Amino acid sequence: MRDNDRSAAPTPRDVAEETIAKLLEALAVLEAIERADLLGDLPADPDAAARHQCAVSLLAVLRRELAALAAELQANHLAQELFERLRGSA
């Protein structure tokens, strides 16, 4: 939000920037899980191993979807900024 007017409603630009930041933060959490190898050990119990594999698969899907969404939002945000600049220079 703009520093000089904290009482105003957030602009679409503010919302987009905040959303992108939150998505990148969520991706950073998933990357930290990977780097720390927190899910690297497969449990010996077959049921626990199956749940573990399911969790790993779900996290991989989540990571892929979050990355795609963040990239799409960033591209849309950049296109909107370019459009605003072009409109302002006309």
N, C-alpha and C. Protein backbone atom coordinates (compact mmCIF):
# COMPACT_ATOMS: atom_id res chain seq x y z
N MET A 1 0.83 -1.16 0.00
CA MET A 1 0.00 0.00 0.00
C MET A 1 0.88 1.23 0.00
N ARG A 2 0.38 2.31 -0.54
CA ARG A 2 1.15 3.54 -0.59
C ARG A 2 1.43 4.07 0.80
N ASP A 3 2.66 4.55 1.03
CA ASP A 3 3.05 5.03 2.35
C ASP A 3 2.29 6.28 2.77
N ASN A 4 1.96 7.15 1.81
CA ASN A 4 1.35 8.42 2.17
C ASN A 4 -0.15 8.33 2.38
N ASP A 5 -0.76 7.20 2.13
CA ASP A 5 -2.21 7.07 2.29
C ASP A 5 -2.56 5.67 2.77
N ARG A 6 -2.32 5.39 4.03
CA ARG A 6 -2.54 4.04 4.57
C ARG A 6 -4.03 3.72 4.72
N SER A 7 -4.91 4.74 4.72
CA SER A 7 -6.33 4.47 4.90
C SER A 7 -7.02 4.08 3.60
N ALA A 8 -6.38 4.31 2.47
CA ALA A 8 -6.98 3.98 1.18
C ALA A 8 -7.00 2.47 0.96
N ALA A 9 -7.97 2.04 0.18
CA ALA A 9 -8.04 0.63 -0.16
C ALA A 9 -6.84 0.26 -1.03
N PRO A 10 -6.37 -0.97 -0.92
CA PRO A 10 -5.23 -1.37 -1.75
C PRO A 10 -5.59 -1.33 -3.23
N THR A 11 -4.64 -0.93 -4.03
CA THR A 11 -4.84 -0.90 -5.48
C THR A 11 -4.63 -2.30 -6.03
N PRO A 12 -5.11 -2.55 -7.25
CA PRO A 12 -4.83 -3.86 -7.86
C PRO A 12 -3.33 -4.15 -7.92
N ARG A 13 -2.53 -3.13 -8.14
CA ARG A 13 -1.08 -3.30 -8.16
C ARG A 13 -0.57 -3.77 -6.80
N ASP A 14 -1.08 -3.14 -5.73
CA ASP A 14 -0.68 -3.54 -4.38
C ASP A 14 -1.04 -4.99 -4.10
N VAL A 15 -2.25 -5.37 -4.50
CA VAL A 15 -2.73 -6.74 -4.29
C VAL A 15 -1.86 -7.72 -5.07
N ALA A 16 -1.55 -7.39 -6.31
CA ALA A 16 -0.71 -8.27 -7.13
C ALA A 16 0.67 -8.43 -6.52
N GLU A 17 1.27 -7.33 -6.09
CA GLU A 17 2.60 -7.40 -5.48
C GLU A 17 2.59 -8.23 -4.21
N GLU A 18 1.56 -8.05 -3.39
CA GLU A 18 1.47 -8.82 -2.14
C GLU A 18 1.25 -10.30 -2.42
N THR A 19 0.42 -10.60 -3.41
CA THR A 19 0.15 -11.99 -3.78
C THR A 19 1.41 -12.67 -4.30
N ILE A 20 2.14 -11.97 -5.15
CA ILE A 20 3.39 -12.52 -5.68
C ILE A 20 4.37 -12.78 -4.55
N ALA A 21 4.48 -11.85 -3.62
CA ALA A 21 5.39 -12.01 -2.49
C ALA A 21 5.01 -13.23 -1.64
N LYS A 22 3.71 -13.42 -1.41
CA LYS A 22 3.26 -14.57 -0.62
C LYS A 22 3.54 -15.89 -1.34
N LEU A 23 3.33 -15.91 -2.65
CA LEU A 23 3.62 -17.12 -3.42
C LEU A 23 5.11 -17.45 -3.39
N LEU A 24 5.95 -16.43 -3.53
CA LEU A 24 7.38 -16.66 -3.48
C LEU A 24 7.83 -17.12 -2.10
N GLU A 25 7.17 -16.63 -1.07
CA GLU A 25 7.47 -17.08 0.29
C GLU A 25 7.08 -18.55 0.47
N ALA A 26 5.93 -18.93 -0.05
CA ALA A 26 5.51 -20.33 0.03
C ALA A 26 6.48 -21.23 -0.73
N LEU A 27 6.94 -20.77 -1.88
CA LEU A 27 7.94 -21.54 -2.64
C LEU A 27 9.24 -21.67 -1.85
N ALA A 28 9.62 -20.62 -1.16
CA ALA A 28 10.84 -20.66 -0.36
C ALA A 28 10.72 -21.70 0.76
N VAL A 29 9.54 -21.83 1.36
CA VAL A 29 9.32 -22.84 2.39
C VAL A 29 9.49 -24.24 1.80
N LEU A 30 8.90 -24.47 0.63
CA LEU A 30 9.04 -25.77 -0.02
C LEU A 30 10.49 -26.06 -0.39
N GLU A 31 11.20 -25.05 -0.85
CA GLU A 31 12.61 -25.23 -1.18
C GLU A 31 13.44 -25.52 0.07
N ALA A 32 13.09 -24.91 1.19
CA ALA A 32 13.80 -25.17 2.45
C ALA A 32 13.58 -26.62 2.88
N ILE A 33 12.37 -27.13 2.68
CA ILE A 33 12.09 -28.53 3.00
C ILE A 33 12.97 -29.44 2.15
N GLU A 34 13.08 -29.11 0.86
CA GLU A 34 13.93 -29.90 -0.04
C GLU A 34 15.40 -29.82 0.36
N ARG A 35 15.89 -28.60 0.58
CA ARG A 35 17.32 -28.41 0.91
C ARG A 35 17.69 -29.13 2.20
N ALA A 36 16.81 -29.11 3.17
CA ALA A 36 17.09 -29.76 4.45
C ALA A 36 16.84 -31.26 4.39
N ASP A 37 16.33 -31.72 3.26
CA ASP A 37 16.05 -33.14 3.07
C ASP A 37 15.14 -33.67 4.19
N LEU A 38 14.14 -32.86 4.53
CA LEU A 38 13.25 -33.22 5.63
C LEU A 38 12.39 -34.44 5.32
N LEU A 39 12.19 -34.72 4.06
CA LEU A 39 11.38 -35.87 3.67
C LEU A 39 12.22 -36.93 2.98
N GLY A 40 13.51 -36.92 3.25
CA GLY A 40 14.43 -37.80 2.55
C GLY A 40 14.43 -39.24 3.03
N ASP A 41 14.03 -39.48 4.26
CA ASP A 41 14.06 -40.83 4.81
C ASP A 41 12.70 -41.48 4.71
N LEU A 42 12.65 -42.60 4.00
CA LEU A 42 11.42 -43.34 3.85
C LEU A 42 11.20 -44.19 5.10
N PRO A 43 10.05 -44.06 5.74
CA PRO A 43 9.79 -44.89 6.94
C PRO A 43 9.77 -46.37 6.59
N ALA A 44 10.13 -47.20 7.56
CA ALA A 44 10.18 -48.65 7.36
C ALA A 44 8.78 -49.26 7.29
N ASP A 45 7.86 -48.74 8.06
CA ASP A 45 6.49 -49.25 8.07
C ASP A 45 5.84 -49.00 6.71
N PRO A 46 5.28 -50.03 6.09
CA PRO A 46 4.70 -49.87 4.74
C PRO A 46 3.60 -48.80 4.66
N ASP A 47 2.74 -48.74 5.67
CA ASP A 47 1.68 -47.72 5.65
C ASP A 47 2.27 -46.32 5.77
N ALA A 48 3.22 -46.17 6.67
CA ALA A 48 3.88 -44.87 6.84
C ALA A 48 4.67 -44.50 5.59
N ALA A 49 5.29 -45.49 4.96
CA ALA A 49 6.04 -45.24 3.73
C ALA A 49 5.11 -44.77 2.61
N ALA A 50 3.94 -45.36 2.53
CA ALA A 50 2.97 -44.95 1.51
C ALA A 50 2.49 -43.52 1.74
N ARG A 51 2.21 -43.19 3.01
CA ARG A 51 1.80 -41.83 3.34
C ARG A 51 2.92 -40.84 3.05
N HIS A 52 4.14 -41.24 3.36
CA HIS A 52 5.32 -40.41 3.11
C HIS A 52 5.45 -40.12 1.62
N GLN A 53 5.34 -41.16 0.81
CA GLN A 53 5.45 -40.99 -0.64
C GLN A 53 4.34 -40.10 -1.17
N CYS A 54 3.16 -40.25 -0.62
CA CYS A 54 2.03 -39.40 -1.01
C CYS A 54 2.32 -37.94 -0.67
N ALA A 55 2.86 -37.69 0.52
CA ALA A 55 3.19 -36.33 0.93
C ALA A 55 4.25 -35.73 0.02
N VAL A 56 5.26 -36.50 -0.32
CA VAL A 56 6.32 -36.02 -1.21
C VAL A 56 5.73 -35.67 -2.58
N SER A 57 4.86 -36.52 -3.08
CA SER A 57 4.23 -36.26 -4.38
C SER A 57 3.35 -35.02 -4.34
N LEU A 58 2.57 -34.89 -3.29
CA LEU A 58 1.71 -33.71 -3.15
C LEU A 58 2.52 -32.42 -3.05
N LEU A 59 3.62 -32.47 -2.32
CA LEU A 59 4.48 -31.28 -2.22
C LEU A 59 5.10 -30.93 -3.57
N ALA A 60 5.44 -31.93 -4.36
CA ALA A 60 6.00 -31.66 -5.69
C ALA A 60 4.96 -31.00 -6.60
N VAL A 61 3.73 -31.49 -6.53
CA VAL A 61 2.66 -30.88 -7.31
C VAL A 61 2.40 -29.46 -6.84
N LEU A 62 2.34 -29.27 -5.53
CA LEU A 62 2.12 -27.94 -4.97
C LEU A 62 3.22 -26.98 -5.41
N ARG A 63 4.45 -27.42 -5.35
CA ARG A 63 5.57 -26.57 -5.75
C ARG A 63 5.45 -26.17 -7.22
N ARG A 64 5.14 -27.13 -8.08
CA ARG A 64 5.00 -26.85 -9.50
C ARG A 64 3.87 -25.85 -9.76
N GLU A 65 2.74 -26.06 -9.10
CA GLU A 65 1.59 -25.17 -9.31
C GLU A 65 1.86 -23.77 -8.76
N LEU A 66 2.49 -23.67 -7.60
CA LEU A 66 2.82 -22.36 -7.05
C LEU A 66 3.82 -21.62 -7.94
N ALA A 67 4.80 -22.33 -8.46
CA ALA A 67 5.79 -21.70 -9.34
C ALA A 67 5.12 -21.20 -10.62
N ALA A 68 4.23 -21.98 -11.18
CA ALA A 68 3.52 -21.57 -12.40
C ALA A 68 2.63 -20.36 -12.12
N LEU A 69 1.95 -20.38 -11.01
CA LEU A 69 1.07 -19.27 -10.65
C LEU A 69 1.88 -18.00 -10.39
N ALA A 70 2.99 -18.12 -9.68
CA ALA A 70 3.84 -16.96 -9.42
C ALA A 70 4.37 -16.38 -10.72
N ALA A 71 4.81 -17.22 -11.63
CA ALA A 71 5.33 -16.75 -12.92
C ALA A 71 4.24 -16.05 -13.71
N GLU A 72 3.05 -16.61 -13.71
CA GLU A 72 1.94 -16.01 -14.44
C GLU A 72 1.57 -14.64 -13.85
N LEU A 73 1.50 -14.57 -12.53
CA LEU A 73 1.18 -13.29 -11.88
C LEU A 73 2.26 -12.25 -12.14
N GLN A 74 3.53 -12.66 -12.09
CA GLN A 74 4.61 -11.72 -12.37
C GLN A 74 4.54 -11.22 -13.80
N ALA A 75 4.27 -12.11 -14.76
CA ALA A 75 4.16 -11.70 -16.16
C ALA A 75 2.99 -10.74 -16.34
N ASN A 76 1.85 -11.04 -15.73
CA ASN A 76 0.70 -10.15 -15.82
C ASN A 76 0.98 -8.80 -15.18
N HIS A 77 1.68 -8.83 -14.06
CA HIS A 77 2.02 -7.59 -13.36
C HIS A 77 2.95 -6.74 -14.22
N LEU A 78 3.96 -7.37 -14.82
CA LEU A 78 4.87 -6.62 -15.68
C LEU A 78 4.15 -6.08 -16.91
N ALA A 79 3.26 -6.85 -17.49
CA ALA A 79 2.49 -6.38 -18.65
C ALA A 79 1.61 -5.19 -18.26
N GLN A 80 1.00 -5.26 -17.09
CA GLN A 80 0.16 -4.15 -16.63
C GLN A 80 0.99 -2.89 -16.41
N GLU A 81 2.17 -3.04 -15.82
CA GLU A 81 3.04 -1.87 -15.63
C GLU A 81 3.45 -1.26 -16.96
N LEU A 82 3.78 -2.11 -17.92
CA LEU A 82 4.16 -1.62 -19.25
C LEU A 82 2.99 -0.90 -19.89
N PHE A 83 1.81 -1.48 -19.79
CA PHE A 83 0.61 -0.85 -20.35
C PHE A 83 0.38 0.53 -19.71
N GLU A 84 0.53 0.62 -18.39
CA GLU A 84 0.35 1.90 -17.70
C GLU A 84 1.37 2.93 -18.15
N ARG A 85 2.63 2.50 -18.34
CA ARG A 85 3.66 3.43 -18.82
C ARG A 85 3.35 3.92 -20.22
N LEU A 86 2.95 2.98 -21.09
CA LEU A 86 2.62 3.36 -22.46
C LEU A 86 1.42 4.30 -22.50
N ARG A 87 0.44 4.04 -21.68
CA ARG A 87 -0.75 4.89 -21.62
C ARG A 87 -0.38 6.28 -21.09
N GLY A 88 0.54 6.29 -20.11
CA GLY A 88 0.95 7.56 -19.53
C GLY A 88 1.81 8.41 -20.47
N SER A 89 2.51 7.77 -21.39
CA SER A 89 3.38 8.51 -22.32
C SER A 89 2.62 8.95 -23.57
N ALA A 90 1.39 8.51 -23.73
CA ALA A 90 0.62 8.87 -24.95
C ALA A 90 -0.02 10.21 -24.82
